[in-house]
Amino acid sequence: MPVHEFYDNPLCGRYADEEMKRIFSDDRKFSTWRRLWLLLAESEQALGLPITDEQLGEMRAHLTDIDYEAAERYEHKVRHDVMAHVLAFGDLCPAARPIIHLGATSCYVGDNTDILNMRDGLRHIRRLLMNAAEALASFAERWKGQSALAYTHFQAAQPTTVGKRACLWLNDLLFDIRQLDFQLAELRPLGCKGATGTAAGFLELFDGDAGKVLRLEEMIVKGMGFDRCQDVSGQTYTRKADYAVLQVLSGIAQTASKFAGDVRLLCHEKELDEPAESGQIGSSAMAYKRNPMRCERIASLSRYVIAQSQNPAVTAASQWLERTLDDSANRRLCIPEAFLAADAALNLMINVARGLQVYPSVCEKHLREELPFMATENILMYCVKNKSADRQELHERIRTHSRLAAEQVKLYGKENDLIERIRSDKAFSLSEEELAALMDPSSFTGMAQAQCERFLAEEVRPMLENNKDVPGVDARIDV
């Protein structure tokens, strides 16, 4: 339970899911430090250092029983978080105390743990992306043929279909998945390179045997579940790695925000609604309101992620020589919080995509309001081709009728009567049936439905099929 007397991070208390909070928890962090110390000691023993099975057994027995109060007391005294936890671990492992952290520097546990956490975080984000893609694919399939106005500059433009528009959101998601997979494959731990990246301390431990130093790092990297580590480093891995990861999260946030913005606009047009609970209140003052609260929250959280992505860029640019500590406090904040906020935005996106409600009658009403103007080119061509009409004469008549119809709409708030004017004009000589055919909304959507079907069949479904083992997520929104 949060302590209400003090500030509680809303990302943990209000927005992010349990799994992401667990990944960046203190328990995960400090138990990983202990596992890394154990892995180091096991590898050093295997390479001939005088480390006993008793010492290793003692360490294995105390990987998770972290005495936070003891660590806090030590840190208050020594002003060094890693050494505080070395000492607290040593209290539980008196036999192993002399060999804990042997040859290592703080970044051995700090940096390697950060990479492990980011790897787990990216894997969880990937799971959310797959669930979002599945939800949007189902939505696109269902509504692939539903005609709707498209908008450029948020002004009515050539019609599309609701499903084709969802494919625009899906296309951005697939872009993000490819970027995430690339960075996940490129993610490398620091390894164990010592105080300035030269491995001098380990070389001394192994009496100048460089081969053993290299094998030590190989064993540790393999033990962490990686094929390779950073080829060269100072005391830390290059902070550009953090930037690369947060750029992936920024891209995902851009996608989520674009999706949310589009839904918010369409909610205003009453063509869509995001899901809402039966007791949900839209406004404390205006009881009738139903605001797109979830999409607004997506936009808000996404903006935070995008802004956070600048932090590692500045950090990477400002590192001095082999090491400086002005990255530490910043990274403790920006990396976990970017993951937590991206997680929250994606859970919301999944929730909204699964529950989007479409109002076909409103889509068709908006089409009827705008199609008369859009249909005039088709009417002109049809009459010239099939009625032997004079193109120039009909062009002028359409121009005049359009101006008068626009006046009715804009000056008097009346319905668009352009088609009625054309129907009554004998120069066009069009029957009710001919006009109805020329005004069929599906004839104005071009390749929209076919593009939707092809994209789902050739890009989306194969990707989802290749990831069918990815678990589903609840994506329940509690507040």
Protein backbone atom coordinates (compact mmCIF):
# COMPACT_ATOMS: atom_id res chain seq x y z
CA MET A 1 0.00 0.00 0.00
CA PRO A 2 1.31 3.49 -0.78
CA VAL A 3 2.23 5.78 2.06
CA HIS A 4 -0.16 8.69 1.50
CA GLU A 5 1.92 11.07 3.56
CA PHE A 6 4.59 11.13 0.85
CA TYR A 7 4.75 11.37 -2.92
CA ASP A 8 3.93 8.12 -4.72
CA ASN A 9 4.91 7.76 -8.37
CA PRO A 10 1.61 7.60 -10.33
CA LEU A 11 3.22 5.30 -12.90
CA CYS A 12 3.39 2.62 -10.21
CA GLY A 13 0.32 3.49 -8.19
CA ARG A 14 -2.03 4.26 -11.08
CA TYR A 15 -0.95 3.32 -14.58
CA ALA A 16 1.65 0.59 -15.24
CA ASP A 17 0.87 -3.13 -15.05
CA GLU A 18 2.21 -5.52 -12.43
CA GLU A 19 4.75 -7.21 -14.71
CA MET A 20 6.53 -4.01 -15.70
CA LYS A 21 6.58 -2.81 -12.11
CA ARG A 22 8.11 -6.14 -11.12
CA ILE A 23 10.83 -5.89 -13.79
CA PHE A 24 12.03 -2.55 -12.44
CA SER A 25 11.46 -3.34 -8.77
CA ASP A 26 14.12 -3.19 -6.07
CA ASP A 27 13.74 -6.92 -5.48
CA ARG A 28 14.53 -7.68 -9.12
CA LYS A 29 17.43 -5.23 -9.19
CA PHE A 30 19.22 -6.28 -6.04
CA SER A 31 18.59 -10.01 -6.38
CA THR A 32 20.08 -9.69 -9.88
CA TRP A 33 23.13 -8.01 -8.37
CA ARG A 34 23.53 -11.03 -6.09
CA ARG A 35 23.09 -13.48 -8.98
CA LEU A 36 25.76 -11.59 -10.91
CA TRP A 37 28.12 -11.78 -7.93
CA LEU A 38 27.44 -15.51 -7.72
CA LEU A 39 28.00 -15.92 -11.48
CA LEU A 40 31.30 -14.03 -11.19
CA ALA A 41 32.45 -16.19 -8.27
CA GLU A 42 31.42 -19.45 -9.98
CA SER A 43 33.28 -18.46 -13.14
CA GLU A 44 36.38 -17.40 -11.20
CA GLN A 45 36.37 -20.72 -9.34
CA ALA A 46 36.04 -22.64 -12.62
CA LEU A 47 39.09 -20.78 -13.93
CA GLY A 48 41.21 -21.70 -10.92
CA LEU A 49 40.79 -18.99 -8.28
CA PRO A 50 40.68 -20.29 -4.69
CA ILE A 51 36.92 -19.99 -4.14
CA THR A 52 35.28 -22.84 -2.22
CA ASP A 53 32.02 -24.68 -2.78
CA GLU A 54 31.03 -23.60 0.72
CA GLN A 55 31.36 -19.96 -0.24
CA LEU A 56 29.28 -20.46 -3.40
CA GLY A 57 26.64 -22.43 -1.50
CA GLU A 58 26.38 -19.65 1.04
CA MET A 59 25.82 -17.10 -1.73
CA ARG A 60 23.19 -19.29 -3.44
CA ALA A 61 21.27 -19.52 -0.19
CA HIS A 62 20.87 -15.75 0.11
CA LEU A 63 20.02 -14.49 -3.38
CA THR A 64 16.63 -13.03 -2.50
CA ASP A 65 16.51 -12.41 1.27
CA ILE A 66 17.65 -8.80 1.00
CA ASP A 67 17.89 -6.85 4.22
CA TYR A 68 17.01 -3.39 2.94
CA GLU A 69 17.38 -1.78 6.33
CA ALA A 70 20.95 -3.07 6.63
CA ALA A 71 21.77 -1.89 3.11
CA GLU A 72 20.33 1.53 3.93
CA ARG A 73 22.43 1.78 7.08
CA TYR A 74 25.57 0.85 5.17
CA GLU A 75 24.84 3.31 2.36
CA HIS A 76 24.30 6.11 4.86
CA LYS A 77 27.76 5.33 6.22
CA VAL A 78 29.77 4.59 3.04
CA ARG A 79 27.80 6.75 0.56
CA HIS A 80 28.05 4.05 -2.09
CA ASP A 81 25.04 1.94 -3.06
CA VAL A 82 26.92 -1.01 -4.52
CA MET A 83 29.31 -1.31 -1.58
CA ALA A 84 26.35 -1.01 0.79
CA HIS A 85 24.80 -4.09 -0.81
CA VAL A 86 28.15 -5.91 -0.92
CA LEU A 87 28.41 -5.41 2.83
CA ALA A 88 24.77 -6.38 3.47
CA PHE A 89 25.22 -9.53 1.35
CA GLY A 90 28.46 -10.27 3.18
CA ASP A 91 26.68 -10.15 6.55
CA LEU A 92 24.49 -13.03 5.34
CA CYS A 93 27.44 -14.87 3.77
CA PRO A 94 30.37 -14.54 6.21
CA ALA A 95 32.43 -17.27 4.55
CA ALA A 96 31.90 -15.76 1.10
CA ARG A 97 32.36 -12.17 2.25
CA PRO A 98 36.07 -11.98 1.21
CA ILE A 99 35.37 -13.00 -2.41
CA ILE A 100 32.11 -11.16 -3.15
CA HIS A 101 32.64 -8.66 -5.99
CA LEU A 102 36.19 -9.95 -6.52
CA GLY A 103 37.92 -8.01 -9.29
CA ALA A 104 34.74 -6.18 -10.30
CA THR A 105 33.71 -2.56 -10.35
CA SER A 106 30.26 -1.21 -9.51
CA CYS A 107 29.19 -1.17 -13.13
CA TYR A 108 29.64 -4.94 -13.32
CA VAL A 109 26.41 -5.32 -11.35
CA GLY A 110 24.84 -1.95 -12.16
CA ASP A 111 25.21 -1.88 -15.93
CA ASN A 112 24.66 -5.58 -16.52
CA THR A 113 21.49 -5.48 -14.41
CA ASP A 114 20.23 -2.48 -16.36
CA ILE A 115 20.70 -4.33 -19.64
CA LEU A 116 18.97 -7.42 -18.26
CA ASN A 117 16.05 -5.30 -17.06
CA MET A 118 15.78 -3.47 -20.37
CA ARG A 119 15.83 -6.80 -22.18
CA ASP A 120 12.99 -8.09 -20.02
CA GLY A 121 11.17 -4.77 -20.40
CA LEU A 122 11.45 -4.87 -24.20
CA ARG A 123 10.19 -8.44 -24.24
CA HIS A 124 7.15 -7.42 -22.23
CA ILE A 125 6.57 -4.39 -24.47
CA ARG A 126 6.78 -6.71 -27.46
CA ARG A 127 4.07 -8.88 -25.95
CA LEU A 128 1.86 -5.80 -25.59
CA LEU A 129 2.57 -4.77 -29.18
CA MET A 130 1.47 -8.18 -30.43
CA ASN A 131 -1.74 -7.94 -28.45
CA ALA A 132 -2.39 -4.44 -29.80
CA ALA A 133 -1.76 -5.67 -33.34
CA GLU A 134 -4.15 -8.59 -32.87
CA ALA A 135 -6.88 -6.28 -31.57
CA LEU A 136 -6.48 -3.82 -34.43
CA ALA A 137 -6.31 -6.62 -37.02
CA SER A 138 -9.65 -7.98 -35.80
CA PHE A 139 -11.12 -4.48 -35.89
CA ALA A 140 -9.78 -3.84 -39.42
CA GLU A 141 -11.13 -7.17 -40.68
CA ARG A 142 -14.58 -6.47 -39.28
CA TRP A 143 -14.84 -2.95 -40.70
CA LYS A 144 -12.81 -3.31 -43.89
CA GLY A 145 -15.80 -2.51 -46.10
CA GLN A 146 -17.45 0.23 -44.03
CA SER A 147 -17.19 3.43 -46.06
CA ALA A 148 -16.30 6.60 -44.16
CA LEU A 149 -15.04 10.05 -44.93
CA ALA A 150 -11.30 10.39 -44.97
CA TYR A 151 -9.81 13.65 -43.78
CA THR A 152 -6.83 15.67 -44.86
CA HIS A 153 -6.10 18.73 -42.72
CA PHE A 154 -9.19 17.47 -40.81
CA GLN A 155 -11.24 18.62 -43.80
CA ALA A 156 -13.45 16.16 -45.65
CA ALA A 157 -11.54 14.34 -48.39
CA GLN A 158 -11.97 11.30 -50.63
CA PRO A 159 -13.67 8.49 -48.68
CA THR A 160 -11.84 5.52 -47.23
CA THR A 161 -13.05 2.60 -45.13
CA VAL A 162 -12.94 2.27 -41.37
CA GLY A 163 -10.84 -0.89 -41.74
CA LYS A 164 -8.33 0.77 -44.06
CA ARG A 165 -7.85 3.56 -41.54
CA ALA A 166 -7.14 0.95 -38.85
CA CYS A 167 -4.47 -0.45 -41.17
CA LEU A 168 -2.65 2.88 -40.90
CA TRP A 169 -2.44 2.34 -37.14
CA LEU A 170 -1.41 -1.27 -37.68
CA ASN A 171 1.31 -0.30 -40.13
CA ASP A 172 2.89 1.93 -37.50
CA LEU A 173 2.72 -0.91 -34.98
CA LEU A 174 4.50 -3.27 -37.35
CA PHE A 175 7.19 -0.63 -37.88
CA ASP A 176 7.65 -0.46 -34.10
CA ILE A 177 7.85 -4.24 -33.76
CA ARG A 178 10.61 -4.39 -36.37
CA GLN A 179 12.53 -1.60 -34.62
CA LEU A 180 12.13 -3.32 -31.25
CA ASP A 181 13.29 -6.66 -32.62
CA PHE A 182 16.37 -5.01 -34.10
CA GLN A 183 17.34 -3.28 -30.86
CA LEU A 184 16.58 -6.40 -28.82
CA ALA A 185 18.95 -8.39 -31.03
CA GLU A 186 21.61 -5.65 -30.73
CA LEU A 187 21.34 -5.29 -26.94
CA ARG A 188 24.59 -6.34 -25.29
CA PRO A 189 25.67 -6.37 -21.65
CA LEU A 190 28.80 -4.70 -20.37
CA GLY A 191 30.47 -8.00 -19.44
CA CYS A 192 33.29 -7.67 -16.90
CA LYS A 193 35.95 -5.19 -17.94
CA GLY A 194 37.00 -3.60 -14.70
CA ALA A 195 37.46 -0.03 -13.52
CA THR A 196 38.33 1.63 -16.85
CA GLY A 197 37.43 -1.09 -19.30
CA THR A 198 40.94 -2.54 -19.51
CA ALA A 199 40.26 -5.63 -17.33
CA ALA A 200 43.52 -4.85 -15.51
CA GLY A 201 42.20 -6.10 -12.16
CA PHE A 202 41.14 -9.44 -13.65
CA LEU A 203 44.46 -9.78 -15.45
CA GLU A 204 46.18 -9.38 -12.08
CA LEU A 205 43.88 -11.96 -10.48
CA PHE A 206 44.82 -14.51 -13.14
CA ASP A 207 48.56 -13.76 -12.97
CA GLY A 208 48.68 -12.17 -16.41
CA ASP A 209 46.79 -14.96 -18.19
CA ALA A 210 44.83 -12.99 -20.78
CA GLY A 211 43.13 -16.14 -22.04
CA LYS A 212 41.51 -16.69 -18.66
CA VAL A 213 40.34 -13.09 -18.56
CA LEU A 214 38.63 -13.55 -21.92
CA ARG A 215 37.10 -16.87 -20.87
CA LEU A 216 35.83 -15.30 -17.66
CA GLU A 217 33.90 -12.72 -19.63
CA GLU A 218 32.59 -15.34 -22.05
CA MET A 219 31.30 -17.44 -19.15
CA ILE A 220 29.60 -14.45 -17.51
CA VAL A 221 28.01 -13.28 -20.76
CA LYS A 222 26.69 -16.77 -21.46
CA GLY A 223 25.42 -17.02 -17.88
CA MET A 224 23.39 -13.86 -18.47
CA GLY A 225 21.83 -15.39 -21.58
CA PHE A 226 23.69 -13.38 -24.22
CA ASP A 227 25.92 -14.42 -27.11
CA ARG A 228 28.24 -11.46 -26.84
CA CYS A 229 28.90 -8.32 -24.82
CA GLN A 230 30.19 -4.85 -25.60
CA ASP A 231 33.41 -5.23 -27.58
CA VAL A 232 35.07 -2.30 -25.85
CA SER A 233 34.03 0.00 -23.04
CA GLY A 234 35.23 2.39 -20.41
CA GLN A 235 33.89 1.61 -16.98
CA THR A 236 30.35 1.63 -18.40
CA TYR A 237 28.77 0.40 -21.58
CA THR A 238 28.18 3.18 -24.08
CA ARG A 239 25.19 5.22 -22.99
CA LYS A 240 24.08 5.32 -26.62
CA ALA A 241 22.59 1.90 -25.90
CA ASP A 242 20.12 3.51 -23.51
CA TYR A 243 19.24 6.07 -26.15
CA ALA A 244 18.64 3.35 -28.75
CA VAL A 245 16.26 1.52 -26.43
CA LEU A 246 14.34 4.61 -25.42
CA GLN A 247 14.06 5.65 -29.05
CA VAL A 248 12.16 2.40 -29.61
CA LEU A 249 9.84 3.33 -26.74
CA SER A 250 9.49 6.83 -28.18
CA GLY A 251 8.46 5.38 -31.53
CA ILE A 252 5.87 3.20 -29.84
CA ALA A 253 4.58 6.22 -27.94
CA GLN A 254 4.28 8.13 -31.22
CA THR A 255 2.18 5.29 -32.64
CA ALA A 256 -0.04 5.11 -29.56
CA SER A 257 -0.52 8.86 -29.50
CA LYS A 258 -1.41 9.00 -33.21
CA PHE A 259 -3.96 6.22 -32.69
CA ALA A 260 -5.42 7.99 -29.66
CA GLY A 261 -5.57 11.33 -31.45
CA ASP A 262 -7.43 9.83 -34.40
CA VAL A 263 -9.93 8.13 -32.10
CA ARG A 264 -10.48 11.37 -30.19
CA LEU A 265 -11.24 13.23 -33.43
CA LEU A 266 -13.64 10.52 -34.58
CA CYS A 267 -15.33 10.51 -31.17
CA HIS A 268 -15.99 14.20 -31.72
CA GLU A 269 -17.49 13.35 -35.11
CA LYS A 270 -19.57 10.65 -33.35
CA GLU A 271 -18.32 7.99 -35.76
CA LEU A 272 -16.52 6.08 -32.98
CA ASP A 273 -16.57 5.68 -29.23
CA GLU A 274 -13.85 4.29 -27.01
CA PRO A 275 -15.07 1.76 -24.42
CA ALA A 276 -16.59 3.13 -21.23
CA GLU A 277 -17.90 1.65 -18.00
CA SER A 278 -21.60 1.91 -17.21
CA GLY A 279 -20.91 4.10 -14.19
CA GLN A 280 -18.18 6.20 -15.79
CA ILE A 281 -18.51 9.97 -15.27
CA GLY A 282 -17.33 12.22 -18.08
CA SER A 283 -17.51 15.52 -16.23
CA SER A 284 -18.12 16.53 -12.63
CA ALA A 285 -20.18 19.46 -13.95
CA MET A 286 -21.71 18.29 -17.25
CA ALA A 287 -23.45 15.01 -16.49
CA TYR A 288 -24.26 14.28 -20.15
CA LYS A 289 -20.63 14.20 -21.28
CA ARG A 290 -18.78 11.09 -22.40
CA ASN A 291 -15.18 12.12 -22.88
CA PRO A 292 -12.53 9.93 -24.61
CA MET A 293 -10.69 9.64 -21.29
CA ARG A 294 -8.64 6.57 -22.18
CA CYS A 295 -7.33 8.02 -25.41
CA GLU A 296 -6.54 11.30 -23.67
CA ARG A 297 -4.53 9.32 -21.13
CA ILE A 298 -2.71 7.49 -23.93
CA ALA A 299 -1.74 10.85 -25.42
CA SER A 300 -0.60 12.16 -22.05
CA LEU A 301 1.54 9.15 -21.18
CA SER A 302 2.94 8.93 -24.70
CA ARG A 303 4.06 12.54 -24.55
CA TYR A 304 5.96 11.68 -21.36
CA VAL A 305 7.76 8.78 -23.05
CA ILE A 306 8.70 10.91 -26.06
CA ALA A 307 10.08 13.61 -23.76
CA GLN A 308 12.02 11.05 -21.67
CA SER A 309 13.81 9.78 -24.77
CA GLN A 310 15.84 12.98 -24.81
CA ASN A 311 17.42 12.23 -21.42
CA PRO A 312 19.72 9.39 -22.60
CA ALA A 313 20.67 11.43 -25.65
CA VAL A 314 22.02 14.20 -23.43
CA THR A 315 23.61 11.64 -21.10
CA ALA A 316 25.40 9.88 -23.94
CA ALA A 317 26.67 13.21 -25.27
CA SER A 318 28.03 14.35 -21.91
CA GLN A 319 30.00 11.34 -20.67
CA TRP A 320 33.64 12.14 -19.91
CA LEU A 321 36.45 9.86 -21.01
CA GLU A 322 36.18 6.44 -19.31
CA ARG A 323 33.53 7.33 -16.71
CA THR A 324 31.58 10.12 -15.06
CA LEU A 325 28.73 9.79 -12.58
CA ASP A 326 26.35 12.44 -13.88
CA ASP A 327 24.44 9.66 -15.62
CA SER A 328 23.49 7.77 -12.47
CA ALA A 329 20.61 9.70 -10.90
CA ASN A 330 19.19 10.54 -14.34
CA ARG A 331 19.19 6.92 -15.51
CA ARG A 332 17.54 5.70 -12.29
CA LEU A 333 14.58 7.90 -13.25
CA CYS A 334 14.30 8.08 -17.02
CA ILE A 335 14.82 4.43 -18.01
CA PRO A 336 12.32 2.75 -15.65
CA GLU A 337 9.79 5.55 -16.05
CA ALA A 338 9.95 5.43 -19.85
CA PHE A 339 9.24 1.69 -19.71
CA LEU A 340 6.45 2.09 -17.15
CA ALA A 341 4.77 4.88 -19.13
CA ALA A 342 5.09 3.02 -22.45
CA ASP A 343 3.62 -0.06 -20.78
CA ALA A 344 0.68 1.97 -19.47
CA ALA A 345 0.02 3.60 -22.85
CA LEU A 346 0.07 0.23 -24.64
CA ASN A 347 -2.26 -1.42 -22.15
CA LEU A 348 -4.68 1.43 -22.71
CA MET A 349 -4.28 1.12 -26.47
CA ILE A 350 -5.12 -2.60 -26.32
CA ASN A 351 -8.12 -1.89 -24.12
CA VAL A 352 -9.44 0.77 -26.49
CA ALA A 353 -8.76 -1.23 -29.66
CA ARG A 354 -10.63 -4.24 -28.27
CA GLY A 355 -13.64 -2.14 -27.34
CA LEU A 356 -13.90 0.44 -30.13
CA GLN A 357 -17.52 1.01 -31.12
CA VAL A 358 -18.29 2.10 -34.68
CA TYR A 359 -21.48 3.92 -35.68
CA PRO A 360 -22.08 3.08 -39.35
CA SER A 361 -25.16 5.31 -39.59
CA VAL A 362 -23.15 8.36 -38.57
CA CYS A 363 -20.36 7.44 -41.02
CA GLU A 364 -22.95 7.22 -43.79
CA LYS A 365 -24.61 10.48 -42.71
CA HIS A 366 -21.29 12.32 -43.00
CA LEU A 367 -20.72 10.71 -46.38
CA ARG A 368 -24.14 11.88 -47.60
CA GLU A 369 -23.30 15.40 -46.48
CA GLU A 370 -20.04 15.54 -48.46
CA LEU A 371 -20.50 13.11 -51.34
CA PRO A 372 -22.51 15.48 -53.51
CA PHE A 373 -19.46 17.67 -54.03
CA MET A 374 -17.16 14.67 -54.50
CA ALA A 375 -19.55 13.03 -56.95
CA THR A 376 -19.61 15.95 -59.38
CA GLU A 377 -16.54 14.78 -61.30
CA ASN A 378 -18.08 11.32 -61.79
CA ILE A 379 -21.38 12.90 -62.82
CA LEU A 380 -19.63 15.13 -65.33
CA MET A 381 -17.70 12.26 -66.90
CA TYR A 382 -20.77 10.00 -66.98
CA CYS A 383 -22.92 12.58 -68.74
CA VAL A 384 -20.28 13.41 -71.34
CA LYS A 385 -19.71 9.71 -72.04
CA ASN A 386 -23.30 8.45 -71.94
CA LYS A 387 -25.49 11.51 -72.64
CA SER A 388 -23.40 13.20 -75.34
CA ALA A 389 -23.36 16.29 -73.14
CA ASP A 390 -21.11 19.33 -73.54
CA ARG A 391 -18.39 19.05 -70.93
CA GLN A 392 -17.82 22.82 -70.66
CA GLU A 393 -21.50 23.61 -70.26
CA LEU A 394 -21.98 20.99 -67.52
CA HIS A 395 -18.82 22.13 -65.76
CA GLU A 396 -20.26 25.65 -65.49
CA ARG A 397 -23.63 24.35 -64.32
CA ILE A 398 -21.95 22.22 -61.61
CA ARG A 399 -19.90 25.21 -60.49
CA THR A 400 -23.02 27.34 -60.15
CA HIS A 401 -25.06 24.62 -58.43
CA SER A 402 -22.19 23.90 -56.02
CA ARG A 403 -21.88 27.53 -54.99
CA LEU A 404 -25.60 27.80 -54.31
CA ALA A 405 -25.68 24.50 -52.42
CA ALA A 406 -22.73 25.62 -50.28
CA GLU A 407 -24.61 28.79 -49.42
CA GLN A 408 -27.56 26.74 -48.20
CA VAL A 409 -25.25 24.78 -45.91
CA LYS A 410 -23.05 27.59 -44.64
CA LEU A 411 -25.43 30.56 -44.52
CA TYR A 412 -28.65 28.85 -43.52
CA GLY A 413 -27.57 25.57 -41.91
CA LYS A 414 -29.60 23.53 -44.35
CA GLU A 415 -28.86 20.15 -45.93
CA ASN A 416 -26.59 19.92 -48.95
CA ASP A 417 -29.06 20.00 -51.88
CA LEU A 418 -26.52 19.83 -54.70
CA ILE A 419 -27.73 16.46 -56.00
CA GLU A 420 -31.33 17.63 -55.96
CA ARG A 421 -30.31 20.65 -58.04
CA ILE A 422 -28.52 18.42 -60.53
CA ARG A 423 -31.45 16.02 -60.63
CA SER A 424 -33.77 18.91 -61.49
CA ASP A 425 -31.47 20.30 -64.18
CA LYS A 426 -32.54 18.90 -67.57
CA ALA A 427 -29.07 19.54 -68.99
CA PHE A 428 -27.87 16.48 -67.08
CA SER A 429 -30.88 14.29 -67.92
CA LEU A 430 -30.15 11.84 -65.09
CA SER A 431 -32.64 9.34 -63.66
CA GLU A 432 -33.04 8.50 -59.98
CA GLU A 433 -31.36 5.14 -60.62
CA GLU A 434 -28.41 6.70 -62.44
CA LEU A 435 -27.85 9.25 -59.68
CA ALA A 436 -28.11 6.58 -56.98
CA ALA A 437 -25.45 4.51 -58.75
CA LEU A 438 -23.20 7.52 -59.18
CA MET A 439 -23.62 8.34 -55.47
CA ASP A 440 -22.78 4.85 -54.18
CA PRO A 441 -20.17 5.49 -51.40
CA SER A 442 -18.28 2.29 -52.20
CA SER A 443 -17.44 3.65 -55.65
CA PHE A 444 -15.47 6.49 -54.03
CA THR A 445 -13.22 4.45 -51.72
CA GLY A 446 -10.89 3.26 -54.45
CA MET A 447 -8.67 0.36 -53.38
CA ALA A 448 -9.30 0.90 -49.66
CA GLN A 449 -10.97 -2.45 -48.92
CA ALA A 450 -8.62 -4.38 -51.19
CA GLN A 451 -5.60 -2.68 -49.59
CA CYS A 452 -6.91 -3.58 -46.15
CA GLU A 453 -7.43 -7.22 -47.13
CA ARG A 454 -4.04 -7.51 -48.79
CA PHE A 455 -2.20 -5.86 -45.89
CA LEU A 456 -3.89 -8.12 -43.35
CA ALA A 457 -3.23 -11.23 -45.43
CA GLU A 458 0.36 -10.54 -46.49
CA GLU A 459 1.81 -8.60 -43.55
CA VAL A 460 -0.27 -8.74 -40.41
CA ARG A 461 -1.60 -12.30 -40.24
CA PRO A 462 1.78 -13.93 -41.03
CA MET A 463 3.42 -11.84 -38.31
CA LEU A 464 0.73 -12.78 -35.81
CA GLU A 465 0.92 -16.44 -36.84
CA ASN A 466 4.69 -16.42 -36.28
CA ASN A 467 4.04 -15.06 -32.80
CA LYS A 468 1.00 -17.13 -31.86
CA ASP A 469 2.79 -18.33 -28.73
CA VAL A 470 2.84 -14.78 -27.33
CA PRO A 471 0.46 -14.78 -24.33
CA GLY A 472 -2.60 -12.58 -24.23
CA VAL A 473 -2.89 -9.71 -21.79
CA ASP A 474 -5.81 -8.61 -19.68
CA ALA A 475 -5.40 -4.85 -20.38
CA ARG A 476 -8.07 -4.07 -17.80
CA ILE A 477 -8.29 -0.41 -16.87
CA ASP A 478 -9.13 0.18 -13.21
CA VAL A 479 -9.16 3.99 -13.14
